[in-house]
PDB file of N, CA and C in Angstrom:
ATOM      1  N   MET A   1     220.620 113.885   9.689  1.00  0.00           N
ATOM      2  CA  MET A   1     219.628 114.807   8.376  1.00  0.00           C
ATOM      3  C   MET A   1     218.345 115.317   8.867  1.00  0.00           C
ATOM      4  N   GLN A   2     217.786 114.652   9.441  1.00  0.00           N
ATOM      5  CA  GLN A   2     216.328 114.817   9.725  1.00  0.00           C
ATOM      6  C   GLN A   2     216.215 116.125  10.800  1.00  0.00           C
ATOM      7  N   MET A   3     217.220 116.254  11.635  1.00  0.00           N
ATOM      8  CA  MET A   3     217.563 117.345  12.432  1.00  0.00           C
ATOM      9  C   MET A   3     217.933 118.474  11.866  1.00  0.00           C
ATOM     10  N   LYS A   4     219.098 118.277  10.954  1.00  0.00           N
ATOM     11  CA  LYS A   4     219.409 119.351  10.159  1.00  0.00           C
ATOM     12  C   LYS A   4     218.296 120.242   9.381  1.00  0.00           C
ATOM     13  N   LEU A   5     217.404 119.277   8.726  1.00  0.00           N
ATOM     14  CA  LEU A   5     216.446 119.864   8.048  1.00  0.00           C
ATOM     15  C   LEU A   5     215.571 120.514   9.131  1.00  0.00           C
ATOM     16  N   ASP A   6     214.989 119.962   9.971  1.00  0.00           N
ATOM     17  CA  ASP A   6     214.016 120.752  10.934  1.00  0.00           C
ATOM     18  C   ASP A   6     214.702 121.965  11.261  1.00  0.00           C
ATOM     19  N   LYS A   7     215.771 122.229  11.971  1.00  0.00           N
ATOM     20  CA  LYS A   7     216.592 123.395  12.248  1.00  0.00           C
ATOM     21  C   LYS A   7     216.428 124.205  11.027  1.00  0.00           C
ATOM     22  N   MET A   8     216.770 123.937   9.905  1.00  0.00           N
ATOM     23  CA  MET A   8     216.625 124.994   8.601  1.00  0.00           C
ATOM     24  C   MET A   8     215.244 125.400   8.126  1.00  0.00           C
ATOM     25  N   LEU A   9     214.329 124.441   8.804  1.00  0.00           N
ATOM     26  CA  LEU A   9     212.835 124.924   8.540  1.00  0.00           C
ATOM     27  C   LEU A   9     212.333 125.824   9.338  1.00  0.00           C
ATOM     28  N   GLU A  10     212.777 125.780  10.758  1.00  0.00           N
ATOM     29  CA  GLU A  10     212.550 126.698  11.755  1.00  0.00           C
ATOM     30  C   GLU A  10     213.332 128.104  11.595  1.00  0.00           C
ATOM     31  N   GLU A  11     214.342 128.026  11.082  1.00  0.00           N
ATOM     32  CA  GLU A  11     215.144 129.340  10.495  1.00  0.00           C
ATOM     33  C   GLU A  11     214.121 129.955   9.712  1.00  0.00           C
ATOM     34  N   LYS A  12     213.908 129.260   8.809  1.00  0.00           N
ATOM     35  CA  LYS A  12     212.964 129.991   7.626  1.00  0.00           C
ATOM     36  C   LYS A  12     211.626 130.196   8.219  1.00  0.00           C
ATOM     37  N   GLU A  13     210.939 129.577   8.939  1.00  0.00           N
ATOM     38  CA  GLU A  13     209.930 129.941   9.368  1.00  0.00           C
ATOM     39  C   GLU A  13     210.052 131.429  10.503  1.00  0.00           C
ATOM     40  N   LYS A  14     211.131 131.247  11.158  1.00  0.00           N
ATOM     41  CA  LYS A  14     211.486 132.601  12.027  1.00  0.00           C
ATOM     42  C   LYS A  14     211.349 133.831  10.765  1.00  0.00           C
ATOM     43  N   GLU A  15     212.319 133.521   9.730  1.00  0.00           N
ATOM     44  CA  GLU A  15     212.454 134.625   8.578  1.00  0.00           C
ATOM     45  C   GLU A  15     211.324 135.008   8.265  1.00  0.00           C
ATOM     46  N   ILE A  16     210.457 134.303   8.004  1.00  0.00           N
ATOM     47  CA  ILE A  16     208.998 134.505   7.324  1.00  0.00           C
ATOM     48  C   ILE A  16     207.920 135.341   8.267  1.00  0.00           C
ATOM     49  N   LYS A  17     208.243 134.870   9.865  1.00  0.00           N
ATOM     50  CA  LYS A  17     207.607 135.535  10.371  1.00  0.00           C
ATOM     51  C   LYS A  17     208.002 137.110  10.613  1.00  0.00           C
ATOM     52  N   THR A  18     209.438 137.229  10.926  1.00  0.00           N
ATOM     53  CA  THR A  18     209.931 138.868  10.906  1.00  0.00           C
ATOM     54  C   THR A  18     209.716 139.377   9.740  1.00  0.00           C
ATOM     55  N   TYR A  19     209.415 139.011   8.512  1.00  0.00           N
ATOM     56  CA  TYR A  19     209.228 139.578   7.185  1.00  0.00           C
ATOM     57  C   TYR A  19     207.502 139.931   7.358  1.00  0.00           C
ATOM     58  N   GLU A  20     206.645 139.049   7.900  1.00  0.00           N
ATOM     59  CA  GLU A  20     205.739 139.197   8.004  1.00  0.00           C
ATOM     60  C   GLU A  20     205.143 140.361   9.220  1.00  0.00           C
ATOM     61  N   SER A  21     205.639 140.386  10.007  1.00  0.00           N
ATOM     62  CA  SER A  21     205.555 141.301  11.278  1.00  0.00           C
ATOM     63  C   SER A  21     206.098 142.604  10.809  1.00  0.00           C
ATOM     64  N   TRP A  22     206.851 142.917   9.777  1.00  0.00           N
ATOM     65  CA  TRP A  22     207.227 143.969   9.507  1.00  0.00           C
ATOM     66  C   TRP A  22     206.250 144.742   8.853  1.00  0.00           C
ATOM     67  N   ARG A  23     206.247 146.017   9.461  1.00  0.00           N
ATOM     68  CA  ARG A  23     205.181 146.971   8.658  1.00  0.00           C
ATOM     69  C   ARG A  23     205.811 148.211   8.019  1.00  0.00           C
ATOM     70  N   PHE A  24     205.335 148.579   7.008  1.00  0.00           N
ATOM     71  CA  PHE A  24     206.119 149.713   6.402  1.00  0.00           C
ATOM     72  C   PHE A  24     205.560 151.157   7.215  1.00  0.00           C
ATOM     73  N   LYS A  25     206.296 152.031   7.513  1.00  0.00           N
ATOM     74  CA  LYS A  25     205.601 153.507   8.026  1.00  0.00           C
ATOM     75  C   LYS A  25     206.630 154.254   7.058  1.00  0.00           C
ATOM     76  N   ALA A  26     205.807 155.222   6.531  1.00  0.00           N
ATOM     77  CA  ALA A  26     205.789 156.453   5.952  1.00  0.00           C
ATOM     78  C   ALA A  26     206.485 157.447   6.484  1.00  0.00           C
ATOM     79  N   ASN A  27     207.406 158.192   6.050  1.00  0.00           N
ATOM     80  CA  ASN A  27     207.988 159.292   6.554  1.00  0.00           C
ATOM     81  C   ASN A  27     206.842 160.598   6.721  1.00  0.00           C
ATOM     82  N   PRO A  28     207.227 161.324   7.649  1.00  0.00           N
ATOM     83  CA  PRO A  28     206.134 162.377   7.707  1.00  0.00           C
ATOM     84  C   PRO A  28     206.379 163.348   6.547  1.00  0.00           C
ATOM     85  N   VAL A  29     205.175 163.819   6.226  1.00  0.00           N
ATOM     86  CA  VAL A  29     205.049 164.959   5.188  1.00  0.00           C
ATOM     87  C   VAL A  29     205.840 165.979   5.558  1.00  0.00           C
ATOM     88  N   PRO A  30     206.756 166.809   5.036  1.00  0.00           N
ATOM     89  CA  PRO A  30     207.648 167.734   5.353  1.00  0.00           C
ATOM     90  C   PRO A  30     206.540 169.090   5.488  1.00  0.00           C
ATOM     91  N   ALA A  31     206.787 169.837   6.634  1.00  0.00           N
ATOM     92  CA  ALA A  31     206.004 171.065   6.928  1.00  0.00           C
ATOM     93  C   ALA A  31     205.805 172.175   5.791  1.00  0.00           C
ATOM     94  N   GLU A  32     206.985 172.061   4.703  1.00  0.00           N
ATOM     95  CA  GLU A  32     206.864 172.978   3.678  1.00  0.00           C
ATOM     96  C   GLU A  32     205.647 172.872   2.657  1.00  0.00           C
ATOM     97  N   CYS A  33     205.381 171.697   2.755  1.00  0.00           N
ATOM     98  CA  CYS A  33     204.350 171.087   1.767  1.00  0.00           C
ATOM     99  C   CYS A  33     202.898 171.839   2.219  1.00  0.00           C
ATOM    100  N   LEU A  34     203.025 171.835   3.296  1.00  0.00           N
ATOM    101  CA  LEU A  34     201.601 172.375   3.979  1.00  0.00           C
ATOM    102  C   LEU A  34     201.415 173.710   4.142  1.00  0.00           C
ATOM    103  N   VAL A  35     202.279 174.568   3.621  1.00  0.00           N
ATOM    104  CA  VAL A  35     202.212 175.990   3.780  1.00  0.00           C
ATOM    105  C   VAL A  35     201.658 176.353   2.285  1.00  0.00           C
ATOM    106  N   PRO A  36     200.653 177.142   2.433  1.00  0.00           N
ATOM    107  CA  PRO A  36     200.344 177.676   1.035  1.00  0.00           C
ATOM    108  C   PRO A  36     201.127 178.574   0.082  1.00  0.00           C
ATOM    109  N   LEU A  37     201.421 178.338  -0.796  1.00  0.00           N
ATOM    110  CA  LEU A  37     202.625 179.065  -1.615  1.00  0.00           C
ATOM    111  C   LEU A  37     202.155 179.932  -2.707  1.00  0.00           C
ATOM    112  N   LEU A  38     200.546 179.800  -2.941  1.00  0.00           N
ATOM    113  CA  LEU A  38     200.030 180.779  -3.881  1.00  0.00           C
ATOM    114  C   LEU A  38     200.064 181.989  -3.777  1.00  0.00           C
ATOM    115  N   ASN A  39     199.573 182.273  -2.433  1.00  0.00           N
ATOM    116  CA  ASN A  39     199.926 183.998  -2.180  1.00  0.00           C
ATOM    117  C   ASN A  39     201.304 184.612  -2.373  1.00  0.00           C
ATOM    118  N   SER A  40     202.277 183.911  -1.972  1.00  0.00           N
ATOM    119  CA  SER A  40     203.690 184.688  -2.265  1.00  0.00           C
ATOM    120  C   SER A  40     203.968 184.291  -3.686  1.00  0.00           C
ATOM    121  N   LEU A  41     203.334 183.404  -4.321  1.00  0.00           N
ATOM    122  CA  LEU A  41     203.517 183.466  -5.890  1.00  0.00           C
ATOM    123  C   LEU A  41     202.916 184.705  -6.676  1.00  0.00           C
ATOM    124  N   ASP A  42     202.001 184.970  -6.077  1.00  0.00           N
ATOM    125  CA  ASP A  42     201.282 185.932  -6.887  1.00  0.00           C
ATOM    126  C   ASP A  42     201.640 187.398  -6.161  1.00  0.00           C
ATOM    127  N   LYS A  43     202.177 187.419  -5.235  1.00  0.00           N
ATOM    128  CA  LYS A  43     202.797 188.792  -4.954  1.00  0.00           C
ATOM    129  C   LYS A  43     204.241 189.039  -5.660  1.00  0.00           C
ATOM    130  N   ASP A  44     204.762 187.873  -5.954  1.00  0.00           N
ATOM    131  CA  ASP A  44     205.951 188.146  -6.639  1.00  0.00           C
ATOM    132  C   ASP A  44     205.884 188.267  -8.049  1.00  0.00           C
ATOM    133  N   ARG A  45     204.722 187.671  -8.541  1.00  0.00           N
ATOM    134  CA  ARG A  45     204.212 188.247 -10.008  1.00  0.00           C
ATOM    135  C   ARG A  45     203.959 189.509  -9.835  1.00  0.00           C
ATOM    136  N   ASP A  46     203.066 190.069  -9.219  1.00  0.00           N
ATOM    137  CA  ASP A  46     202.641 191.302  -9.111  1.00  0.00           C
ATOM    138  C   ASP A  46     203.981 192.425  -8.848  1.00  0.00           C
ATOM    139  N   HIS A  47     204.964 192.113  -8.059  1.00  0.00           N
ATOM    140  CA  HIS A  47     205.757 192.759  -8.187  1.00  0.00           C
ATOM    141  C   HIS A  47     206.735 192.733  -9.307  1.00  0.00           C
ATOM    142  N   ARG A  48     207.007 191.664  -9.960  1.00  0.00           N
ATOM    143  CA  ARG A  48     207.490 191.860 -11.195  1.00  0.00           C
ATOM    144  C   ARG A  48     206.981 192.571 -12.238  1.00  0.00           C
ATOM    145  N   ILE A  49     205.603 192.365 -12.263  1.00  0.00           N
ATOM    146  CA  ILE A  49     204.834 193.273 -13.245  1.00  0.00           C
ATOM    147  C   ILE A  49     204.873 194.718 -13.159  1.00  0.00           C
ATOM    148  N   GLN A  50     205.024 195.091 -11.587  1.00  0.00           N
ATOM    149  CA  GLN A  50     205.066 196.481 -11.271  1.00  0.00           C
ATOM    150  C   GLN A  50     206.518 197.162 -11.679  1.00  0.00           C
ATOM    151  N   THR A  51     207.584 196.481 -11.272  1.00  0.00           N
ATOM    152  CA  THR A  51     208.711 196.960 -11.628  1.00  0.00           C
ATOM    153  C   THR A  51     208.911 196.929 -13.273  1.00  0.00           C
ATOM    154  N   PHE A  52     208.542 195.985 -13.927  1.00  0.00           N
ATOM    155  CA  PHE A  52     208.338 196.032 -15.279  1.00  0.00           C
ATOM    156  C   PHE A  52     207.572 197.298 -15.983  1.00  0.00           C
ATOM    157  N   LYS A  53     206.473 197.640 -15.256  1.00  0.00           N
ATOM    158  CA  LYS A  53     205.782 198.723 -16.103  1.00  0.00           C
ATOM    159  C   LYS A  53     206.489 200.151 -15.619  1.00  0.00           C
ATOM    160  N   GLU A  54     207.017 200.116 -14.473  1.00  0.00           N
ATOM    161  CA  GLU A  54     208.252 201.350 -13.905  1.00  0.00           C
ATOM    162  C   GLU A  54     208.970 201.663 -14.701  1.00  0.00           C
ATOM    163  N   PHE A  55     209.711 200.352 -15.269  1.00  0.00           N
ATOM    164  CA  PHE A  55     210.674 200.237 -16.276  1.00  0.00           C
ATOM    165  C   PHE A  55     210.516 200.968 -17.441  1.00  0.00           C
ATOM    166  N   ASN A  56     209.329 200.422 -18.173  1.00  0.00           N
ATOM    167  CA  ASN A  56     208.834 201.175 -19.209  1.00  0.00           C
ATOM    168  C   ASN A  56     208.614 202.431 -19.339  1.00  0.00           C
ATOM    169  N   ALA A  57     207.942 202.699 -17.941  1.00  0.00           N
ATOM    170  CA  ALA A  57     207.423 204.113 -17.906  1.00  0.00           C
ATOM    171  C   ALA A  57     208.882 205.227 -17.919  1.00  0.00           C
ATOM    172  N   THR A  58     209.949 204.719 -17.300  1.00  0.00           N
ATOM    173  CA  THR A  58     211.083 205.566 -17.287  1.00  0.00           C
ATOM    174  C   THR A  58     211.790 205.248 -18.686  1.00  0.00           C
ATOM    175  N   LYS A  59     211.757 204.273 -19.488  1.00  0.00           N
ATOM    176  CA  LYS A  59     212.121 204.368 -20.599  1.00  0.00           C
ATOM    177  C   LYS A  59     211.272 204.925 -21.560  1.00  0.00           C
ATOM    178  N   ASN A  60     210.198 205.134 -21.524  1.00  0.00           N
ATOM    179  CA  ASN A  60     209.654 206.034 -22.345  1.00  0.00           C
ATOM    180  C   ASN A  60     209.767 207.335 -22.200  1.00  0.00           C
ATOM    181  N   LYS A  61     210.122 207.862 -21.047  1.00  0.00           N
ATOM    182  CA  LYS A  61     210.161 209.257 -20.784  1.00  0.00           C
ATOM    183  C   LYS A  61     211.917 209.880 -20.962  1.00  0.00           C
ATOM    184  N   MET A  62     212.639 208.720 -21.079  1.00  0.00           N
ATOM    185  CA  MET A  62     213.921 209.114 -21.681  1.00  0.00           C
ATOM    186  C   MET A  62     213.943 209.729 -22.914  1.00  0.00           C
ATOM    187  N   LYS A  63     214.986 210.750 -23.097  1.00  0.00           N
ATOM    188  CA  LYS A  63     215.188 211.514 -24.313  1.00  0.00           C
ATOM    189  C   LYS A  63     215.988 210.721 -25.628  1.00  0.00           C
ATOM    190  N   VAL A  64     215.265 210.628 -26.509  1.00  0.00           N
ATOM    191  CA  VAL A  64     216.055 210.058 -27.985  1.00  0.00           C
ATOM    192  C   VAL A  64     217.082 210.439 -28.045  1.00  0.00           C
ATOM    193  N   PHE A  65     218.227 210.068 -28.798  1.00  0.00           N
ATOM    194  CA  PHE A  65     219.451 211.039 -29.149  1.00  0.00           C
ATOM    195  C   PHE A  65     218.891 211.711 -30.447  1.00  0.00           C
ATOM    196  N   SER A  66     219.649 212.927 -30.833  1.00  0.00           N
ATOM    197  CA  SER A  66     218.985 213.382 -31.949  1.00  0.00           C
ATOM    198  C   SER A  66     219.329 212.802 -33.239  1.00  0.00           C
ATOM    199  N   PHE A  67     220.450 212.040 -33.325  1.00  0.00           N
ATOM    200  CA  PHE A  67     220.870 211.574 -34.430  1.00  0.00           C
ATOM    201  C   PHE A  67     219.747 210.208 -34.764  1.00  0.00           C
ATOM    202  N   VAL A  68     218.987 209.688 -33.846  1.00  0.00           N
ATOM    203  CA  VAL A  68     217.925 208.654 -34.179  1.00  0.00           C
ATOM    204  C   VAL A  68     216.943 209.115 -34.741  1.00  0.00           C
ATOM    205  N   GLU A  69     216.480 210.196 -34.282  1.00  0.00           N
ATOM    206  CA  GLU A  69     215.297 210.855 -35.052  1.00  0.00           C
ATOM    207  C   GLU A  69     215.640 211.693 -36.516  1.00  0.00           C
ATOM    208  N   ARG A  70     217.095 211.632 -36.386  1.00  0.00           N
ATOM    209  CA  ARG A  70     217.248 212.243 -37.878  1.00  0.00           C
ATOM    210  C   ARG A  70     217.294 211.119 -38.814  1.00  0.00           C
ATOM    211  N   ASP A  71     217.577 210.109 -38.211  1.00  0.00           N
ATOM    212  CA  ASP A  71     217.832 208.894 -38.956  1.00  0.00           C
ATOM    213  C   ASP A  71     216.344 208.150 -39.369  1.00  0.00           C
ATOM    214  N   ASN A  72     215.350 208.486 -38.510  1.00  0.00           N
ATOM    215  CA  ASN A  72     213.898 207.863 -38.505  1.00  0.00           C
ATOM    216  C   ASN A  72     213.514 209.070 -39.714  1.00  0.00           C
ATOM    217  N   GLU A  73     213.545 210.439 -39.801  1.00  0.00           N
ATOM    218  CA  GLU A  73     213.117 211.043 -40.330  1.00  0.00           C
ATOM    219  C   GLU A  73     213.538 210.895 -41.973  1.00  0.00           C
ATOM    220  N   ARG A  74     214.959 210.825 -42.062  1.00  0.00           N
ATOM    221  CA  ARG A  74     215.354 210.429 -43.423  1.00  0.00           C
ATOM    222  C   ARG A  74     214.923 209.226 -43.845  1.00  0.00           C
ATOM    223  N   GLU A  75     214.647 208.087 -43.025  1.00  0.00           N
ATOM    224  CA  GLU A  75     213.970 206.609 -43.556  1.00  0.00           C
ATOM    225  C   GLU A  75     212.526 206.985 -43.928  1.00  0.00           C
ATOM    226  N   LYS A  76     211.914 207.910 -43.421  1.00  0.00           N
ATOM    227  CA  LYS A  76     210.128 208.362 -44.036  1.00  0.00           C
ATOM    228  C   LYS A  76     210.386 209.154 -45.249  1.00  0.00           C
ATOM    229  N   SER A  77     211.445 210.038 -45.217  1.00  0.00           N
ATOM    230  CA  SER A  77     211.483 210.774 -46.459  1.00  0.00           C
ATOM    231  C   SER A  77     211.622 210.133 -47.764  1.00  0.00           C
ATOM    232  N   LEU A  78     212.456 209.021 -47.392  1.00  0.00           N
ATOM    233  CA  LEU A  78     213.303 208.029 -48.521  1.00  0.00           C
ATOM    234  C   LEU A  78     212.002 207.021 -48.746  1.00  0.00           C
ATOM    235  N   ASP A  79     211.143 206.813 -47.944  1.00  0.00           N
ATOM    236  CA  ASP A  79     210.098 205.995 -48.262  1.00  0.00           C
ATOM    237  C   ASP A  79     209.024 206.836 -49.181  1.00  0.00           C
ATOM    238  N   LEU A  80     208.935 208.232 -48.855  1.00  0.00           N
ATOM    239  CA  LEU A  80     208.153 208.959 -49.556  1.00  0.00           C
ATOM    240  C   LEU A  80     208.458 208.868 -50.999  1.00  0.00           C
ATOM    241  N   LEU A  81     209.841 209.302 -51.192  1.00  0.00           N
ATOM    242  CA  LEU A  81     209.981 209.640 -52.603  1.00  0.00           C
ATOM    243  C   LEU A  81     210.223 207.952 -53.348  1.00  0.00           C
ATOM    244  N   ARG A  82     210.427 206.889 -52.741  1.00  0.00           N
ATOM    245  CA  ARG A  82     210.158 205.476 -53.270  1.00  0.00           C
ATOM    246  C   ARG A  82     208.837 205.364 -53.830  1.00  0.00           C
ATOM    247  N   GLN A  83     207.863 206.013 -53.203  1.00  0.00           N
ATOM    248  CA  GLN A  83     206.428 205.663 -53.495  1.00  0.00           C
ATOM    249  C   GLN A  83     206.092 206.495 -54.567  1.00  0.00           C
ATOM    250  N   LYS A  84     206.715 207.360 -54.914  1.00  0.00           N
ATOM    251  CA  LYS A  84     206.422 208.341 -55.976  1.00  0.00           C
ATOM    252  C   LYS A  84     206.821 207.780 -57.243  1.00  0.00           C
TER     253      LYS A  84
END
């Protein structure tokens, strides 16, 4: 019985020593984290702003259909009549 107990204690001590000798080792930081992304984000934002400005400029140059102008004029004249 004593031999069995001693053997069990030795196994436990070995197990404890293996746990104590184990060291945590972190994975290396990915290279993508070290690359500055702010410049690319700024470029993308500037590109979106530029394309939006160009779109608005072309939209403003487009000719409005005549019936839209006619409807707008009708609304203005009706508003003037209602005010009187």
